[in-house]
Structures are given as structure tokens and as C-alpha cells.
């Protein structure tokens, strides 16, 4: 979990939010890695869209269940910072 993570029992899932690269306004990518929930949340949303595309018969709830079921689990089980784990796009799509 990132140092700025606000953990709690409301956390169901985690996604990378540090060391990320982004498109730069003037073209190319950012020079320095960026961090924050504004980078983690789109990864989860994008994964949900990819799962819907790959498995169009799934309901929205089933997409959520698939993403949660395929997350990489924390060593100690569910925890306040990572919830059930970190998204695993390859596992969710295969």
C-alpha cells in the first residue's frame, strides 16, 4: 500500500497508484512518476470495461465479483489497506 493510503474496512480492492506514468499535456509521457488515487481508480474502471468486453454475458455484479475473485491477495488475508487484494488484469481477463 502507498504511504498515503487511508485504510479501513470499507476498502474492498486496491490498484497501483504510485510510480505511474501518464500522458503529458505537451506530448509524450510525464518525466517523473506520478501518484495518487486519481491514477488507481481509472485502472479499476478500465479493467471493468475490459472484463465487460471480454465477457459480455456477465452482469455488472458478476464483473465486480470476477475482479475481486482474481485480485492478488495480501499475505495475511484481507486487510484494511488492500482489502481483498490488488487487481490482476491478466487473471481477470483469462
Protein backbone atom coordinates (compact mmCIF):
# COMPACT_ATOMS: atom_id res chain seq x y z
CA UNK A 1 0.00 0.00 0.00
CA UNK A 2 1.13 3.54 -0.68
CA UNK A 3 2.18 5.68 2.31
CA UNK A 4 -0.85 7.95 1.71
CA UNK A 5 -3.35 5.05 1.77
CA UNK A 6 -6.32 5.61 4.05
CA UNK A 7 -7.25 2.11 5.10
CA UNK A 8 -10.42 0.84 6.67
CA UNK A 9 -12.99 -1.91 6.48
CA UNK A 10 -14.58 -0.05 3.53
CA UNK A 11 -11.58 -0.93 1.31
CA UNK A 12 -12.55 -3.81 -0.98
CA UNK A 13 -9.77 -3.69 -3.56
CA UNK A 14 -6.51 -1.94 -4.38
CA UNK A 15 -4.83 -0.84 -7.59
CA UNK A 16 -1.39 0.62 -8.31
CA UNK A 17 -1.29 4.31 -7.52
CA UNK A 18 2.43 5.05 -7.26
CA UNK A 19 5.27 5.04 -9.75
CA UNK A 20 2.82 5.60 -12.59
CA UNK A 21 3.50 7.30 -15.91
CA UNK A 22 0.89 9.45 -17.59
CA UNK A 23 0.43 11.24 -20.86
CA UNK A 24 1.90 14.73 -20.71
CA UNK A 25 0.00 17.82 -21.80
CA UNK A 26 2.72 18.76 -24.28
CA UNK A 27 3.00 15.24 -25.68
CA UNK A 28 4.86 12.14 -24.64
CA UNK A 29 4.73 10.96 -21.04
CA UNK A 30 5.40 12.59 -17.70
CA UNK A 31 9.09 12.87 -16.81
CA UNK A 32 8.61 11.87 -13.18
CA UNK A 33 6.39 9.08 -11.91
CA UNK A 34 3.05 10.32 -10.63
CA UNK A 35 1.00 9.01 -7.73
CA UNK A 36 -2.47 9.14 -6.26
CA UNK A 37 -5.93 7.68 -6.30
CA UNK A 38 -6.60 9.61 -9.49
CA UNK A 39 -4.35 7.05 -11.18
CA UNK A 40 -5.51 3.95 -9.30
CA UNK A 41 -9.25 4.44 -9.85
CA UNK A 42 -9.05 4.60 -13.66
CA UNK A 43 -7.13 1.31 -13.68
CA UNK A 44 -10.03 -0.40 -11.92
CA UNK A 45 -12.60 1.27 -14.18
CA UNK A 46 -10.61 0.29 -17.26
CA UNK A 47 -10.34 -3.29 -16.04
CA UNK A 48 -14.11 -3.40 -15.52
CA UNK A 49 -14.62 -2.18 -19.09
CA UNK A 50 -12.20 -4.81 -20.43
CA UNK A 51 -13.93 -7.57 -18.47
CA UNK A 52 -17.31 -6.44 -19.86
CA UNK A 53 -15.86 -6.51 -23.37
CA UNK A 54 -14.28 -9.95 -22.91
CA UNK A 55 -17.31 -11.47 -21.15
CA UNK A 56 -20.38 -9.55 -22.42
CA UNK A 57 -22.77 -12.04 -20.82
CA UNK A 58 -21.71 -11.04 -17.30
CA UNK A 59 -23.88 -8.73 -15.25
CA UNK A 60 -22.32 -5.72 -13.55
CA UNK A 61 -22.30 -7.61 -10.23
CA UNK A 62 -20.56 -10.56 -11.88
CA UNK A 63 -17.90 -8.24 -13.31
CA UNK A 64 -17.24 -6.94 -9.80
CA UNK A 65 -17.14 -10.49 -8.44
CA UNK A 66 -14.65 -11.53 -11.14
CA UNK A 67 -12.34 -8.61 -10.42
CA UNK A 68 -12.47 -9.29 -6.69
CA UNK A 69 -12.00 -13.06 -7.12
CA UNK A 70 -8.92 -12.65 -9.30
CA UNK A 71 -7.17 -9.98 -7.20
CA UNK A 72 -3.74 -10.85 -5.80
CA UNK A 73 -4.41 -11.47 -2.11
CA UNK A 74 -2.42 -9.87 0.71
CA UNK A 75 -0.18 -12.39 2.52
CA UNK A 76 -2.16 -12.06 5.74
CA UNK A 77 -5.59 -12.19 4.08
CA UNK A 78 -7.97 -9.26 3.76
CA UNK A 79 -6.54 -6.13 5.31
CA UNK A 80 -7.52 -2.52 5.85
CA UNK A 81 -5.11 -1.10 3.25
CA UNK A 82 -5.52 -3.56 0.35
CA UNK A 83 -8.94 -5.06 1.01
CA UNK A 84 -9.16 -8.41 -0.79
CA UNK A 85 -6.04 -7.61 -2.81
CA UNK A 86 -4.53 -5.79 -5.78
CA UNK A 87 -6.20 -6.04 -9.18
CA UNK A 88 -4.73 -8.61 -11.55
CA UNK A 89 -5.88 -7.70 -15.07
CA UNK A 90 -4.44 -10.82 -16.72
CA UNK A 91 -6.22 -13.12 -14.27
CA UNK A 92 -9.48 -11.20 -14.58
CA UNK A 93 -9.44 -11.48 -18.38
CA UNK A 94 -8.43 -15.14 -18.69
